[in-house]
Amino acid sequence: QVQLVQSGGGLVQAGGSLRLSCAASGSIFSINAMEWYRQVPGKQRNLVAAITSGGTRNYVDSVKGRFTISRDNAKDTVYLQMNSLKPEDTAVYYCAVAYGSTWSRYWGQGTQVTVSS
C-alpha cells in the first residue's frame, strides 16, 4: 500500500522560510513526477511545483525564485523549500506522486502553511 506522509509547515511571518517534506512508502511504478499543490478554502487545488523523473523542475510563476522543489531518491522523499514567504502563500499544501500512462496520483494528507503579515 502506497502512503505519502507529509511533514513541515506551520506559521511563519512574511519574509520567512519553511520546508515541507513528503516521504513515500510502498512500491510506485512508472513515476512521472513528484508534485506540490496548494489549496485555499473554496478554491481548487493548484499545482505549485513539480519535478519529473528526469529531474526537470517546473514552478508556477508566483513562486519562481522563492520556492525550490527537490527530491532524495534514496529516501523516496520530495521537499519544497519555501523562502521569502508572502501572506498569499497561505494554504494547505499537498504532495502528490504522478504515475503511469494516465498520470494517476497518490496524495499526501496535506499540511497547513500560514504566513502572517
C-alpha atoms as a PDB file:
ATOM      1  CA  GLN A   1       0.000   0.000   0.000  1.00  0.00           C
ATOM      2  CA  VAL A   2       1.379   3.370  -1.014  1.00  0.00           C
ATOM      3  CA  GLN A   3       1.442   6.174   1.512  1.00  0.00           C
ATOM      4  CA  LEU A   4       2.701   9.725   1.257  1.00  0.00           C
ATOM      5  CA  VAL A   5       3.413  11.247   4.646  1.00  0.00           C
ATOM      6  CA  GLN A   6       3.962  14.980   4.841  1.00  0.00           C
ATOM      7  CA  SER A   7       5.790  16.976   7.475  1.00  0.00           C
ATOM      8  CA  GLY A   8       6.752  20.580   7.946  1.00  0.00           C
ATOM      9  CA  GLY A   9       4.527  23.593   7.549  1.00  0.00           C
ATOM     10  CA  GLY A  10       3.168  25.822  10.270  1.00  0.00           C
ATOM     11  CA  LEU A  11       3.016  29.531  10.995  1.00  0.00           C
ATOM     12  CA  VAL A  12       5.669  31.961   9.817  1.00  0.00           C
ATOM     13  CA  GLN A  13       5.964  35.707   9.369  1.00  0.00           C
ATOM     14  CA  ALA A  14       6.140  37.244   5.929  1.00  0.00           C
ATOM     15  CA  GLY A  15       9.658  37.010   4.556  1.00  0.00           C
ATOM     16  CA  GLY A  16      10.363  33.836   6.465  1.00  0.00           C
ATOM     17  CA  SER A  17      11.076  30.315   5.289  1.00  0.00           C
ATOM     18  CA  LEU A  18       9.624  26.854   5.690  1.00  0.00           C
ATOM     19  CA  ARG A  19      10.466  23.447   4.306  1.00  0.00           C
ATOM     20  CA  LEU A  20       7.900  20.800   3.527  1.00  0.00           C
ATOM     21  CA  SER A  21       8.768  17.129   3.236  1.00  0.00           C
ATOM     22  CA  CYS A  22       6.850  14.245   1.736  1.00  0.00           C
ATOM     23  CA  ALA A  23       8.054  10.688   2.243  1.00  0.00           C
ATOM     24  CA  ALA A  24       6.673   7.895   0.101  1.00  0.00           C
ATOM     25  CA  SER A  25       6.357   4.319   1.266  1.00  0.00           C
ATOM     26  CA  GLY A  26       5.303   1.280  -0.718  1.00  0.00           C
ATOM     27  CA  SER A  27       6.037   0.472  -4.329  1.00  0.00           C
ATOM     28  CA  ILE A  28       5.173   3.007  -7.003  1.00  0.00           C
ATOM     29  CA  PHE A  29       5.880   2.015 -10.574  1.00  0.00           C
ATOM     30  CA  SER A  30       6.347   4.309 -13.541  1.00  0.00           C
ATOM     31  CA  ILE A  31       6.639   7.558 -11.612  1.00  0.00           C
ATOM     32  CA  ASN A  32       6.266  10.515 -13.945  1.00  0.00           C
ATOM     33  CA  ALA A  33       6.681  13.343 -11.475  1.00  0.00           C
ATOM     34  CA  MET A  34       6.560  14.343  -7.839  1.00  0.00           C
ATOM     35  CA  GLU A  35       4.494  17.445  -7.204  1.00  0.00           C
ATOM     36  CA  TRP A  36       3.375  20.023  -4.685  1.00  0.00           C
ATOM     37  CA  TYR A  37      -0.075  21.597  -4.808  1.00  0.00           C
ATOM     38  CA  ARG A  38      -1.828  24.104  -2.606  1.00  0.00           C
ATOM     39  CA  GLN A  39      -5.432  24.861  -1.863  1.00  0.00           C
ATOM     40  CA  VAL A  40      -7.264  27.651  -0.072  1.00  0.00           C
ATOM     41  CA  PRO A  41     -10.827  27.236   1.223  1.00  0.00           C
ATOM     42  CA  GLY A  42     -13.389  27.443  -1.535  1.00  0.00           C
ATOM     43  CA  LYS A  43     -10.825  27.288  -4.309  1.00  0.00           C
ATOM     44  CA  GLN A  44      -9.475  24.489  -6.440  1.00  0.00           C
ATOM     45  CA  ARG A  45      -6.213  22.755  -5.719  1.00  0.00           C
ATOM     46  CA  ASN A  46      -3.444  24.244  -7.854  1.00  0.00           C
ATOM     47  CA  LEU A  47      -0.051  22.951  -8.853  1.00  0.00           C
ATOM     48  CA  VAL A  48       2.832  24.869  -7.289  1.00  0.00           C
ATOM     49  CA  ALA A  49       5.912  22.901  -8.293  1.00  0.00           C
ATOM     50  CA  ALA A  50       6.855  19.633  -9.921  1.00  0.00           C
ATOM     51  CA  ILE A  51       9.969  17.599 -10.547  1.00  0.00           C
ATOM     52  CA  THR A  52       9.877  14.967 -13.251  1.00  0.00           C
ATOM     53  CA  SER A  53      11.531  11.581 -13.200  1.00  0.00           C
ATOM     54  CA  GLY A  54      14.205  13.094 -15.414  1.00  0.00           C
ATOM     55  CA  GLY A  55      14.872  15.877 -12.931  1.00  0.00           C
ATOM     56  CA  THR A  56      13.174  18.747 -14.754  1.00  0.00           C
ATOM     57  CA  ARG A  57      11.679  21.279 -12.376  1.00  0.00           C
ATOM     58  CA  ASN A  58       8.641  23.436 -13.070  1.00  0.00           C
ATOM     59  CA  TYR A  59       7.087  26.173 -10.981  1.00  0.00           C
ATOM     60  CA  VAL A  60       4.014  28.320 -11.095  1.00  0.00           C
ATOM     61  CA  ASP A  61       5.037  31.902 -11.868  1.00  0.00           C
ATOM     62  CA  SER A  62       4.037  33.223  -8.463  1.00  0.00           C
ATOM     63  CA  VAL A  63       6.667  31.133  -6.644  1.00  0.00           C
ATOM     64  CA  LYS A  64       9.537  31.219  -9.127  1.00  0.00           C
ATOM     65  CA  GLY A  65      12.719  32.383  -7.475  1.00  0.00           C
ATOM     66  CA  ARG A  66      11.281  31.774  -3.994  1.00  0.00           C
ATOM     67  CA  PHE A  67      10.396  28.064  -3.856  1.00  0.00           C
ATOM     68  CA  THR A  68      12.618  25.119  -4.704  1.00  0.00           C
ATOM     69  CA  ILE A  69      11.479  21.561  -5.234  1.00  0.00           C
ATOM     70  CA  SER A  70      13.952  18.754  -4.743  1.00  0.00           C
ATOM     71  CA  ARG A  71      13.937  15.043  -4.137  1.00  0.00           C
ATOM     72  CA  ASP A  72      16.036  12.419  -2.452  1.00  0.00           C
ATOM     73  CA  ASN A  73      15.619   9.209  -4.415  1.00  0.00           C
ATOM     74  CA  ALA A  74      17.373   7.147  -1.762  1.00  0.00           C
ATOM     75  CA  LYS A  75      14.762   8.232   0.781  1.00  0.00           C
ATOM     76  CA  ASP A  76      11.825   8.389  -1.652  1.00  0.00           C
ATOM     77  CA  THR A  77      11.225  11.894  -0.365  1.00  0.00           C
ATOM     78  CA  VAL A  78      10.354  15.143  -2.081  1.00  0.00           C
ATOM     79  CA  TYR A  79      10.909  18.548  -0.499  1.00  0.00           C
ATOM     80  CA  LEU A  80       9.599  22.049  -1.034  1.00  0.00           C
ATOM     81  CA  GLN A  81      11.850  24.792   0.291  1.00  0.00           C
ATOM     82  CA  MET A  82       9.829  27.984   0.572  1.00  0.00           C
ATOM     83  CA  ASN A  83      11.679  31.266   1.059  1.00  0.00           C
ATOM     84  CA  SER A  84      10.532  34.875   1.123  1.00  0.00           C
ATOM     85  CA  LEU A  85       7.069  33.723   2.040  1.00  0.00           C
ATOM     86  CA  LYS A  86       4.136  36.037   1.470  1.00  0.00           C
ATOM     87  CA  PRO A  87       0.673  36.088   3.061  1.00  0.00           C
ATOM     88  CA  GLU A  88      -0.779  34.956  -0.258  1.00  0.00           C
ATOM     89  CA  ASP A  89       1.190  31.720   0.076  1.00  0.00           C
ATOM     90  CA  THR A  90      -1.120  30.753   2.930  1.00  0.00           C
ATOM     91  CA  ALA A  91      -2.837  27.489   2.015  1.00  0.00           C
ATOM     92  CA  VAL A  92      -2.990  23.782   2.680  1.00  0.00           C
ATOM     93  CA  TYR A  93      -0.125  22.190   0.782  1.00  0.00           C
ATOM     94  CA  TYR A  94      -0.380  18.686  -0.660  1.00  0.00           C
ATOM     95  CA  CYS A  95       2.297  16.498  -2.161  1.00  0.00           C
ATOM     96  CA  ALA A  96       1.482  14.077  -4.946  1.00  0.00           C
ATOM     97  CA  VAL A  97       3.161  11.387  -6.984  1.00  0.00           C
ATOM     98  CA  ALA A  98       2.002  11.132 -10.588  1.00  0.00           C
ATOM     99  CA  TYR A  99       2.432   7.706 -12.145  1.00  0.00           C
ATOM    100  CA  GLY A 100       1.527   5.587 -15.113  1.00  0.00           C
ATOM    101  CA  SER A 101       0.295   6.397 -18.589  1.00  0.00           C
ATOM    102  CA  THR A 102      -2.846   8.047 -17.235  1.00  0.00           C
ATOM    103  CA  TRP A 103      -0.951  10.236 -14.769  1.00  0.00           C
ATOM    104  CA  SER A 104      -2.872   8.918 -11.794  1.00  0.00           C
ATOM    105  CA  ARG A 105      -1.850  10.340  -8.445  1.00  0.00           C
ATOM    106  CA  TYR A 106      -1.260   9.366  -4.876  1.00  0.00           C
ATOM    107  CA  TRP A 107      -1.776  12.212  -2.404  1.00  0.00           C
ATOM    108  CA  GLY A 108      -0.319  13.220   0.897  1.00  0.00           C
ATOM    109  CA  GLN A 109      -2.509  14.200   3.825  1.00  0.00           C
ATOM    110  CA  GLY A 110      -1.972  17.934   3.450  1.00  0.00           C
ATOM    111  CA  THR A 111      -0.273  20.394   5.756  1.00  0.00           C
ATOM    112  CA  GLN A 112      -1.246  23.946   6.662  1.00  0.00           C
ATOM    113  CA  VAL A 113       1.096  26.807   5.856  1.00  0.00           C
ATOM    114  CA  THR A 114       0.120  30.172   7.292  1.00  0.00           C
ATOM    115  CA  VAL A 115       2.088  33.335   6.546  1.00  0.00           C
ATOM    116  CA  SER A 116       1.289  36.318   8.714  1.00  0.00           C
ATOM    117  CA  SER A 117       1.811  39.895   7.557  1.00  0.00           C
END
